[in-house]
């Protein structure tokens, strides 16, 4: 891929049309990519999608999701704390 090419990512499997409030409260998706609001079953908006993209980029760079753990409860706790660690091989530019 050269500099003039781009990657486009989309997933409309759970898309929702919310013209009045722009807020949703459905609980769906892969746990590793859910925002803290979704984990806590609170209303959320487009910023949860941005969170998910950030998690995906982290996984592309590092090789595993930032909140990965052995069980779902621990993963949820890590997501709520949003404490992200970057391995030493990740450059400052990245």
PDB file of N, CA and C in Angstrom:
ATOM      1  N   UNK A   1       0.837  -1.173   0.000  1.00  0.00           N
ATOM      2  CA  UNK A   1       0.000   0.000   0.000  1.00  0.00           C
ATOM      3  C   UNK A   1       0.884   1.239   0.000  1.00  0.00           C
ATOM      4  N   UNK A   2       0.605   2.182  -0.878  1.00  0.00           N
ATOM      5  CA  UNK A   2       1.382   3.420  -0.894  1.00  0.00           C
ATOM      6  C   UNK A   2       0.626   4.533  -0.171  1.00  0.00           C
ATOM      7  N   UNK A   3       1.232   5.697  -0.075  1.00  0.00           N
ATOM      8  CA  UNK A   3       0.666   6.818   0.683  1.00  0.00           C
ATOM      9  C   UNK A   3      -0.636   7.343   0.105  1.00  0.00           C
ATOM     10  N   UNK A   4      -0.930   7.033  -1.139  1.00  0.00           N
ATOM     11  CA  UNK A   4      -2.156   7.528  -1.760  1.00  0.00           C
ATOM     12  C   UNK A   4      -3.341   6.593  -1.552  1.00  0.00           C
ATOM     13  N   UNK A   5      -3.108   5.462  -0.921  1.00  0.00           N
ATOM     14  CA  UNK A   5      -4.175   4.514  -0.660  1.00  0.00           C
ATOM     15  C   UNK A   5      -4.693   4.703   0.757  1.00  0.00           C
ATOM     16  N   UNK A   6      -5.889   4.240   1.003  1.00  0.00           N
ATOM     17  CA  UNK A   6      -6.454   4.344   2.342  1.00  0.00           C
ATOM     18  C   UNK A   6      -7.195   3.070   2.695  1.00  0.00           C
ATOM     19  N   UNK A   7      -7.426   2.905   3.955  1.00  0.00           N
ATOM     20  CA  UNK A   7      -8.195   1.776   4.452  1.00  0.00           C
ATOM     21  C   UNK A   7      -9.511   2.322   4.965  1.00  0.00           C
ATOM     22  N   UNK A   8     -10.592   1.708   4.581  1.00  0.00           N
ATOM     23  CA  UNK A   8     -11.904   2.105   5.067  1.00  0.00           C
ATOM     24  C   UNK A   8     -12.482   0.953   5.871  1.00  0.00           C
ATOM     25  N   UNK A   9     -12.953   1.268   7.054  1.00  0.00           N
ATOM     26  CA  UNK A   9     -13.519   0.258   7.948  1.00  0.00           C
ATOM     27  C   UNK A   9     -14.966   0.629   8.209  1.00  0.00           C
ATOM     28  N   UNK A  10     -15.844  -0.340   8.097  1.00  0.00           N
ATOM     29  CA  UNK A  10     -17.238  -0.086   8.428  1.00  0.00           C
ATOM     30  C   UNK A  10     -17.866  -1.346   8.993  1.00  0.00           C
ATOM     31  N   UNK A  11     -18.841  -1.139   9.837  1.00  0.00           N
ATOM     32  CA  UNK A  11     -19.609  -2.242  10.406  1.00  0.00           C
ATOM     33  C   UNK A  11     -20.999  -1.699  10.695  1.00  0.00           C
ATOM     34  N   UNK A  12     -21.944  -2.061   9.867  1.00  0.00           N
ATOM     35  CA  UNK A  12     -23.298  -1.561  10.041  1.00  0.00           C
ATOM     36  C   UNK A  12     -24.228  -2.629  10.607  1.00  0.00           C
ATOM     37  N   UNK A  13     -23.669  -3.681  11.155  1.00  0.00           N
ATOM     38  CA  UNK A  13     -24.479  -4.772  11.681  1.00  0.00           C
ATOM     39  C   UNK A  13     -25.418  -4.353  12.789  1.00  0.00           C
ATOM     40  N   UNK A  14     -25.016  -3.402  13.604  1.00  0.00           N
ATOM     41  CA  UNK A  14     -25.859  -2.937  14.707  1.00  0.00           C
ATOM     42  C   UNK A  14     -26.121  -1.444  14.597  1.00  0.00           C
ATOM     43  N   UNK A  15     -26.098  -0.885  13.407  1.00  0.00           N
ATOM     44  CA  UNK A  15     -26.305   0.555  13.246  1.00  0.00           C
ATOM     45  C   UNK A  15     -27.705   0.934  13.714  1.00  0.00           C
ATOM     46  N   UNK A  16     -27.830   2.173  14.181  1.00  0.00           N
ATOM     47  CA  UNK A  16     -29.111   2.650  14.690  1.00  0.00           C
ATOM     48  C   UNK A  16     -29.372   4.064  14.194  1.00  0.00           C
ATOM     49  N   UNK A  17     -30.630   4.328  13.869  1.00  0.00           N
ATOM     50  CA  UNK A  17     -31.038   5.668  13.452  1.00  0.00           C
ATOM     51  C   UNK A  17     -31.694   6.332  14.664  1.00  0.00           C
ATOM     52  N   UNK A  18     -31.072   7.391  15.183  1.00  0.00           N
ATOM     53  CA  UNK A  18     -31.579   8.075  16.373  1.00  0.00           C
ATOM     54  C   UNK A  18     -31.672   9.571  16.104  1.00  0.00           C
ATOM     55  N   UNK A  19     -32.632   9.997  15.287  1.00  0.00           N
ATOM     56  CA  UNK A  19     -32.673  11.396  14.857  1.00  0.00           C
ATOM     57  C   UNK A  19     -33.035  12.397  15.953  1.00  0.00           C
ATOM     58  N   UNK A  20     -33.713  11.995  16.986  1.00  0.00           N
ATOM     59  CA  UNK A  20     -34.175  12.953  17.993  1.00  0.00           C
ATOM     60  C   UNK A  20     -33.122  13.189  19.075  1.00  0.00           C
ATOM     61  N   UNK A  21     -32.612  12.136  19.690  1.00  0.00           N
ATOM     62  CA  UNK A  21     -31.685  12.301  20.816  1.00  0.00           C
ATOM     63  C   UNK A  21     -30.235  12.043  20.458  1.00  0.00           C
ATOM     64  N   UNK A  22     -29.991  11.301  19.384  1.00  0.00           N
ATOM     65  CA  UNK A  22     -28.640  10.857  19.027  1.00  0.00           C
ATOM     66  C   UNK A  22     -27.994  10.037  20.126  1.00  0.00           C
ATOM     67  N   UNK A  23     -28.799   9.475  21.014  1.00  0.00           N
ATOM     68  CA  UNK A  23     -28.273   8.625  22.087  1.00  0.00           C
ATOM     69  C   UNK A  23     -28.901   7.246  21.987  1.00  0.00           C
ATOM     70  N   UNK A  24     -28.106   6.250  22.356  1.00  0.00           N
ATOM     71  CA  UNK A  24     -28.570   4.868  22.316  1.00  0.00           C
ATOM     72  C   UNK A  24     -28.294   4.229  23.672  1.00  0.00           C
ATOM     73  N   UNK A  25     -28.963   3.114  23.941  1.00  0.00           N
ATOM     74  CA  UNK A  25     -28.673   2.377  25.164  1.00  0.00           C
ATOM     75  C   UNK A  25     -28.688   0.871  24.937  1.00  0.00           C
ATOM     76  N   UNK A  26     -28.505   0.456  23.694  1.00  0.00           N
ATOM     77  CA  UNK A  26     -28.434  -0.969  23.399  1.00  0.00           C
ATOM     78  C   UNK A  26     -27.088  -1.511  23.853  1.00  0.00           C
ATOM     79  N   UNK A  27     -27.070  -2.766  24.246  1.00  0.00           N
ATOM     80  CA  UNK A  27     -25.838  -3.412  24.684  1.00  0.00           C
ATOM     81  C   UNK A  27     -25.509  -4.499  23.684  1.00  0.00           C
ATOM     82  N   UNK A  28     -24.587  -4.197  22.779  1.00  0.00           N
ATOM     83  CA  UNK A  28     -24.214  -5.163  21.763  1.00  0.00           C
ATOM     84  C   UNK A  28     -22.783  -4.905  21.336  1.00  0.00           C
ATOM     85  N   UNK A  29     -22.163  -5.930  20.801  1.00  0.00           N
ATOM     86  CA  UNK A  29     -20.797  -5.779  20.320  1.00  0.00           C
ATOM     87  C   UNK A  29     -19.847  -6.704  21.052  1.00  0.00           C
ATOM     88  N   UNK A  30     -18.601  -6.664  20.641  1.00  0.00           N
ATOM     89  CA  UNK A  30     -17.549  -7.461  21.267  1.00  0.00           C
ATOM     90  C   UNK A  30     -17.060  -6.725  22.502  1.00  0.00           C
ATOM     91  N   UNK A  31     -17.022  -7.389  23.627  1.00  0.00           N
ATOM     92  CA  UNK A  31     -16.697  -6.764  24.916  1.00  0.00           C
ATOM     93  C   UNK A  31     -15.425  -5.931  24.863  1.00  0.00           C
ATOM     94  N   UNK A  32     -14.366  -6.429  24.247  1.00  0.00           N
ATOM     95  CA  UNK A  32     -13.083  -5.722  24.221  1.00  0.00           C
ATOM     96  C   UNK A  32     -13.175  -4.318  23.629  1.00  0.00           C
ATOM     97  N   UNK A  33     -14.179  -4.055  22.789  1.00  0.00           N
ATOM     98  CA  UNK A  33     -14.293  -2.780  22.081  1.00  0.00           C
ATOM     99  C   UNK A  33     -15.344  -1.842  22.675  1.00  0.00           C
ATOM    100  N   UNK A  34     -16.053  -2.279  23.711  1.00  0.00           N
ATOM    101  CA  UNK A  34     -17.113  -1.465  24.283  1.00  0.00           C
ATOM    102  C   UNK A  34     -16.554  -0.331  25.132  1.00  0.00           C
ATOM    103  N   UNK A  35     -17.222   0.815  25.068  1.00  0.00           N
ATOM    104  CA  UNK A  35     -16.841   1.971  25.878  1.00  0.00           C
ATOM    105  C   UNK A  35     -17.325   1.774  27.312  1.00  0.00           C
ATOM    106  N   UNK A  36     -16.778   2.544  28.258  1.00  0.00           N
ATOM    107  CA  UNK A  36     -17.245   2.449  29.645  1.00  0.00           C
ATOM    108  C   UNK A  36     -18.752   2.680  29.779  1.00  0.00           C
ATOM    109  N   UNK A  37     -19.306   3.593  28.990  1.00  0.00           N
ATOM    110  CA  UNK A  37     -20.747   3.854  29.048  1.00  0.00           C
ATOM    111  C   UNK A  37     -21.546   2.613  28.666  1.00  0.00           C
ATOM    112  N   UNK A  38     -21.079   1.912  27.653  1.00  0.00           N
ATOM    113  CA  UNK A  38     -21.786   0.708  27.225  1.00  0.00           C
ATOM    114  C   UNK A  38     -21.653  -0.396  28.255  1.00  0.00           C
ATOM    115  N   UNK A  39     -20.476  -0.539  28.832  1.00  0.00           N
ATOM    116  CA  UNK A  39     -20.259  -1.555  29.871  1.00  0.00           C
ATOM    117  C   UNK A  39     -21.191  -1.302  31.056  1.00  0.00           C
ATOM    118  N   UNK A  40     -21.381  -0.030  31.409  1.00  0.00           N
ATOM    119  CA  UNK A  40     -22.245   0.331  32.536  1.00  0.00           C
ATOM    120  C   UNK A  40     -23.709   0.485  32.144  1.00  0.00           C
ATOM    121  N   UNK A  41     -24.039   0.133  30.902  1.00  0.00           N
ATOM    122  CA  UNK A  41     -25.394   0.173  30.366  1.00  0.00           C
ATOM    123  C   UNK A  41     -26.029   1.556  30.521  1.00  0.00           C
ATOM    124  N   UNK A  42     -25.232   2.590  30.248  1.00  0.00           N
ATOM    125  CA  UNK A  42     -25.710   3.971  30.256  1.00  0.00           C
ATOM    126  C   UNK A  42     -25.942   4.408  28.817  1.00  0.00           C
ATOM    127  N   UNK A  43     -26.601   5.545  28.657  1.00  0.00           N
ATOM    128  CA  UNK A  43     -26.767   6.090  27.313  1.00  0.00           C
ATOM    129  C   UNK A  43     -25.408   6.484  26.745  1.00  0.00           C
ATOM    130  N   UNK A  44     -25.266   6.316  25.457  1.00  0.00           N
ATOM    131  CA  UNK A  44     -24.021   6.660  24.781  1.00  0.00           C
ATOM    132  C   UNK A  44     -24.338   7.234  23.417  1.00  0.00           C
ATOM    133  N   UNK A  45     -23.334   7.833  22.793  1.00  0.00           N
ATOM    134  CA  UNK A  45     -23.524   8.432  21.479  1.00  0.00           C
ATOM    135  C   UNK A  45     -22.342   8.066  20.585  1.00  0.00           C
ATOM    136  N   UNK A  46     -22.103   8.852  19.550  1.00  0.00           N
ATOM    137  CA  UNK A  46     -21.065   8.561  18.566  1.00  0.00           C
ATOM    138  C   UNK A  46     -19.675   8.428  19.188  1.00  0.00           C
ATOM    139  N   UNK A  47     -19.453   9.009  20.358  1.00  0.00           N
ATOM    140  CA  UNK A  47     -18.128   8.939  20.979  1.00  0.00           C
ATOM    141  C   UNK A  47     -17.755   7.510  21.362  1.00  0.00           C
ATOM    142  N   UNK A  48     -18.747   6.652  21.580  1.00  0.00           N
ATOM    143  CA  UNK A  48     -18.458   5.240  21.832  1.00  0.00           C
ATOM    144  C   UNK A  48     -17.877   4.574  20.589  1.00  0.00           C
ATOM    145  N   UNK A  49     -18.284   5.034  19.423  1.00  0.00           N
ATOM    146  CA  UNK A  49     -17.708   4.522  18.175  1.00  0.00           C
ATOM    147  C   UNK A  49     -16.248   4.941  18.055  1.00  0.00           C
ATOM    148  N   UNK A  50     -15.947   6.172  18.456  1.00  0.00           N
ATOM    149  CA  UNK A  50     -14.562   6.657  18.422  1.00  0.00           C
ATOM    150  C   UNK A  50     -13.712   5.853  19.396  1.00  0.00           C
ATOM    151  N   UNK A  51     -14.256   5.547  20.572  1.00  0.00           N
ATOM    152  CA  UNK A  51     -13.571   4.695  21.541  1.00  0.00           C
ATOM    153  C   UNK A  51     -13.219   3.356  20.889  1.00  0.00           C
ATOM    154  N   UNK A  52     -14.204   2.735  20.239  1.00  0.00           N
ATOM    155  CA  UNK A  52     -13.985   1.441  19.597  1.00  0.00           C
ATOM    156  C   UNK A  52     -12.909   1.491  18.525  1.00  0.00           C
ATOM    157  N   UNK A  53     -12.864   2.575  17.769  1.00  0.00           N
ATOM    158  CA  UNK A  53     -11.812   2.731  16.764  1.00  0.00           C
ATOM    159  C   UNK A  53     -10.448   2.826  17.436  1.00  0.00           C
ATOM    160  N   UNK A  54     -10.389   3.544  18.556  1.00  0.00           N
ATOM    161  CA  UNK A  54      -9.131   3.636  19.309  1.00  0.00           C
ATOM    162  C   UNK A  54      -8.663   2.279  19.793  1.00  0.00           C
ATOM    163  N   UNK A  55      -9.589   1.474  20.283  1.00  0.00           N
ATOM    164  CA  UNK A  55      -9.249   0.115  20.727  1.00  0.00           C
ATOM    165  C   UNK A  55      -8.743  -0.710  19.545  1.00  0.00           C
ATOM    166  N   UNK A  56      -9.407  -0.578  18.408  1.00  0.00           N
ATOM    167  CA  UNK A  56      -8.991  -1.311  17.208  1.00  0.00           C
ATOM    168  C   UNK A  56      -7.593  -0.896  16.759  1.00  0.00           C
ATOM    169  N   UNK A  57      -7.308   0.392  16.749  1.00  0.00           N
ATOM    170  CA  UNK A  57      -5.973   0.868  16.363  1.00  0.00           C
ATOM    171  C   UNK A  57      -4.925   0.339  17.329  1.00  0.00           C
ATOM    172  N   UNK A  58      -5.221   0.374  18.632  1.00  0.00           N
ATOM    173  CA  UNK A  58      -4.302  -0.183  19.627  1.00  0.00           C
ATOM    174  C   UNK A  58      -3.999  -1.647  19.285  1.00  0.00           C
ATOM    175  N   UNK A  59      -5.052  -2.402  18.987  1.00  0.00           N
ATOM    176  CA  UNK A  59      -4.855  -3.822  18.666  1.00  0.00           C
ATOM    177  C   UNK A  59      -4.041  -4.008  17.389  1.00  0.00           C
ATOM    178  N   UNK A  60      -4.249  -3.154  16.391  1.00  0.00           N
ATOM    179  CA  UNK A  60      -3.443  -3.226  15.170  1.00  0.00           C
ATOM    180  C   UNK A  60      -1.959  -3.023  15.481  1.00  0.00           C
ATOM    181  N   UNK A  61      -1.659  -2.066  16.341  1.00  0.00           N
ATOM    182  CA  UNK A  61      -0.272  -1.709  16.650  1.00  0.00           C
ATOM    183  C   UNK A  61       0.371  -2.717  17.602  1.00  0.00           C
ATOM    184  N   UNK A  62      -0.337  -3.076  18.660  1.00  0.00           N
ATOM    185  CA  UNK A  62       0.232  -3.900  19.734  1.00  0.00           C
ATOM    186  C   UNK A  62       0.062  -5.395  19.470  1.00  0.00           C
ATOM    187  N   UNK A  63      -1.070  -5.778  18.899  1.00  0.00           N
ATOM    188  CA  UNK A  63      -1.316  -7.184  18.612  1.00  0.00           C
ATOM    189  C   UNK A  63      -2.387  -7.815  19.485  1.00  0.00           C
ATOM    190  N   UNK A  64      -2.901  -7.063  20.453  1.00  0.00           N
ATOM    191  CA  UNK A  64      -3.979  -7.551  21.317  1.00  0.00           C
ATOM    192  C   UNK A  64      -4.729  -6.335  21.877  1.00  0.00           C
ATOM    193  N   UNK A  65      -5.981  -6.508  22.294  1.00  0.00           N
ATOM    194  CA  UNK A  65      -6.758  -5.370  22.796  1.00  0.00           C
ATOM    195  C   UNK A  65      -6.197  -4.840  24.127  1.00  0.00           C
ATOM    196  N   UNK A  66      -6.389  -3.549  24.407  1.00  0.00           N
ATOM    197  CA  UNK A  66      -5.798  -2.948  25.604  1.00  0.00           C
ATOM    198  C   UNK A  66      -6.384  -3.431  26.924  1.00  0.00           C
ATOM    199  N   UNK A  67      -7.592  -3.970  26.933  1.00  0.00           N
ATOM    200  CA  UNK A  67      -8.248  -4.360  28.179  1.00  0.00           C
ATOM    201  C   UNK A  67      -8.442  -5.869  28.279  1.00  0.00           C
ATOM    202  N   UNK A  68      -7.737  -6.615  27.467  1.00  0.00           N
ATOM    203  CA  UNK A  68      -7.880  -8.071  27.416  1.00  0.00           C
ATOM    204  C   UNK A  68      -7.551  -8.701  28.759  1.00  0.00           C
ATOM    205  N   UNK A  69      -8.354  -9.679  29.154  1.00  0.00           N
ATOM    206  CA  UNK A  69      -8.086 -10.433  30.373  1.00  0.00           C
ATOM    207  C   UNK A  69      -8.690 -11.830  30.242  1.00  0.00           C
ATOM    208  N   UNK A  70      -8.552 -12.626  31.282  1.00  0.00           N
ATOM    209  CA  UNK A  70      -9.010 -14.011  31.237  1.00  0.00           C
ATOM    210  C   UNK A  70     -10.533 -14.154  31.341  1.00  0.00           C
ATOM    211  N   UNK A  71     -11.194 -13.159  31.948  1.00  0.00           N
ATOM    212  CA  UNK A  71     -12.646 -13.270  32.091  1.00  0.00           C
ATOM    213  C   UNK A  71     -13.323 -11.923  31.842  1.00  0.00           C
ATOM    214  N   UNK A  72     -14.613 -11.979  31.550  1.00  0.00           N
ATOM    215  CA  UNK A  72     -15.369 -10.796  31.195  1.00  0.00           C
ATOM    216  C   UNK A  72     -15.470  -9.759  32.306  1.00  0.00           C
ATOM    217  N   UNK A  73     -15.587 -10.201  33.549  1.00  0.00           N
ATOM    218  CA  UNK A  73     -15.699  -9.246  34.659  1.00  0.00           C
ATOM    219  C   UNK A  73     -14.437  -8.410  34.801  1.00  0.00           C
ATOM    220  N   UNK A  74     -13.294  -9.041  34.679  1.00  0.00           N
ATOM    221  CA  UNK A  74     -12.023  -8.322  34.770  1.00  0.00           C
ATOM    222  C   UNK A  74     -11.859  -7.374  33.577  1.00  0.00           C
ATOM    223  N   UNK A  75     -12.266  -7.809  32.402  1.00  0.00           N
ATOM    224  CA  UNK A  75     -12.207  -6.947  31.216  1.00  0.00           C
ATOM    225  C   UNK A  75     -13.070  -5.713  31.432  1.00  0.00           C
ATOM    226  N   UNK A  76     -14.275  -5.885  31.971  1.00  0.00           N
ATOM    227  CA  UNK A  76     -15.158  -4.744  32.239  1.00  0.00           C
ATOM    228  C   UNK A  76     -14.513  -3.773  33.227  1.00  0.00           C
ATOM    229  N   UNK A  77     -13.879  -4.293  34.255  1.00  0.00           N
ATOM    230  CA  UNK A  77     -13.205  -3.432  35.239  1.00  0.00           C
ATOM    231  C   UNK A  77     -12.094  -2.630  34.576  1.00  0.00           C
ATOM    232  N   UNK A  78     -11.323  -3.272  33.713  1.00  0.00           N
ATOM    233  CA  UNK A  78     -10.238  -2.581  33.011  1.00  0.00           C
ATOM    234  C   UNK A  78     -10.788  -1.489  32.098  1.00  0.00           C
ATOM    235  N   UNK A  79     -11.900  -1.767  31.430  1.00  0.00           N
ATOM    236  CA  UNK A  79     -12.519  -0.774  30.552  1.00  0.00           C
ATOM    237  C   UNK A  79     -12.992   0.419  31.378  1.00  0.00           C
ATOM    238  N   UNK A  80     -13.627   0.143  32.512  1.00  0.00           N
ATOM    239  CA  UNK A  80     -14.109   1.236  33.367  1.00  0.00           C
ATOM    240  C   UNK A  80     -12.968   2.137  33.834  1.00  0.00           C
ATOM    241  N   UNK A  81     -11.836   1.551  34.169  1.00  0.00           N
ATOM    242  CA  UNK A  81     -10.681   2.333  34.638  1.00  0.00           C
ATOM    243  C   UNK A  81      -9.973   3.040  33.489  1.00  0.00           C
ATOM    244  N   UNK A  82     -10.096   2.489  32.275  1.00  0.00           N
ATOM    245  CA  UNK A  82      -9.475   3.052  31.072  1.00  0.00           C
ATOM    246  C   UNK A  82      -7.987   3.308  31.258  1.00  0.00           C
ATOM    247  N   UNK A  83      -7.331   2.420  31.972  1.00  0.00           N
ATOM    248  CA  UNK A  83      -5.892   2.543  32.194  1.00  0.00           C
ATOM    249  C   UNK A  83      -5.173   1.771  31.092  1.00  0.00           C
ATOM    250  N   UNK A  84      -4.660   2.506  30.108  1.00  0.00           N
ATOM    251  CA  UNK A  84      -4.022   1.881  28.955  1.00  0.00           C
ATOM    252  C   UNK A  84      -2.507   1.950  29.114  1.00  0.00           C
ATOM    253  N   UNK A  85      -1.870   0.818  28.917  1.00  0.00           N
ATOM    254  CA  UNK A  85      -0.412   0.757  28.973  1.00  0.00           C
ATOM    255  C   UNK A  85       0.124   0.443  27.582  1.00  0.00           C
ATOM    256  N   UNK A  86       1.214   1.118  27.233  1.00  0.00           N
ATOM    257  CA  UNK A  86       1.847   0.891  25.942  1.00  0.00           C
ATOM    258  C   UNK A  86       3.182   0.193  26.162  1.00  0.00           C
ATOM    259  N   UNK A  87       3.410  -0.937  25.490  1.00  0.00           N
ATOM    260  CA  UNK A  87       4.696  -1.612  25.609  1.00  0.00           C
ATOM    261  C   UNK A  87       5.830  -0.719  25.156  1.00  0.00           C
ATOM    262  N   UNK A  88       7.025  -1.021  25.608  1.00  0.00           N
ATOM    263  CA  UNK A  88       8.186  -0.171  25.312  1.00  0.00           C
ATOM    264  C   UNK A  88       8.529  -0.119  23.822  1.00  0.00           C
ATOM    265  N   UNK A  89       8.094  -1.100  23.041  1.00  0.00           N
ATOM    266  CA  UNK A  89       8.431  -1.093  21.618  1.00  0.00           C
ATOM    267  C   UNK A  89       7.576  -0.099  20.823  1.00  0.00           C
ATOM    268  N   UNK A  90       6.574   0.510  21.442  1.00  0.00           N
ATOM    269  CA  UNK A  90       5.737   1.489  20.746  1.00  0.00           C
ATOM    270  C   UNK A  90       6.448   2.836  20.749  1.00  0.00           C
ATOM    271  N   UNK A  91       6.660   3.390  19.568  1.00  0.00           N
ATOM    272  CA  UNK A  91       7.368   4.655  19.462  1.00  0.00           C
ATOM    273  C   UNK A  91       6.505   5.824  19.920  1.00  0.00           C
ATOM    274  N   UNK A  92       7.126   6.927  20.280  1.00  0.00           N
ATOM    275  CA  UNK A  92       6.398   8.137  20.652  1.00  0.00           C
ATOM    276  C   UNK A  92       5.556   8.640  19.490  1.00  0.00           C
ATOM    277  N   UNK A  93       6.060   8.504  18.266  1.00  0.00           N
ATOM    278  CA  UNK A  93       5.310   8.945  17.086  1.00  0.00           C
ATOM    279  C   UNK A  93       4.018   8.166  16.917  1.00  0.00           C
ATOM    280  N   UNK A  94       4.064   6.901  17.261  1.00  0.00           N
ATOM    281  CA  UNK A  94       2.869   6.057  17.136  1.00  0.00           C
ATOM    282  C   UNK A  94       1.846   6.515  18.131  1.00  0.00           C
TER     283      UNK A  94
END
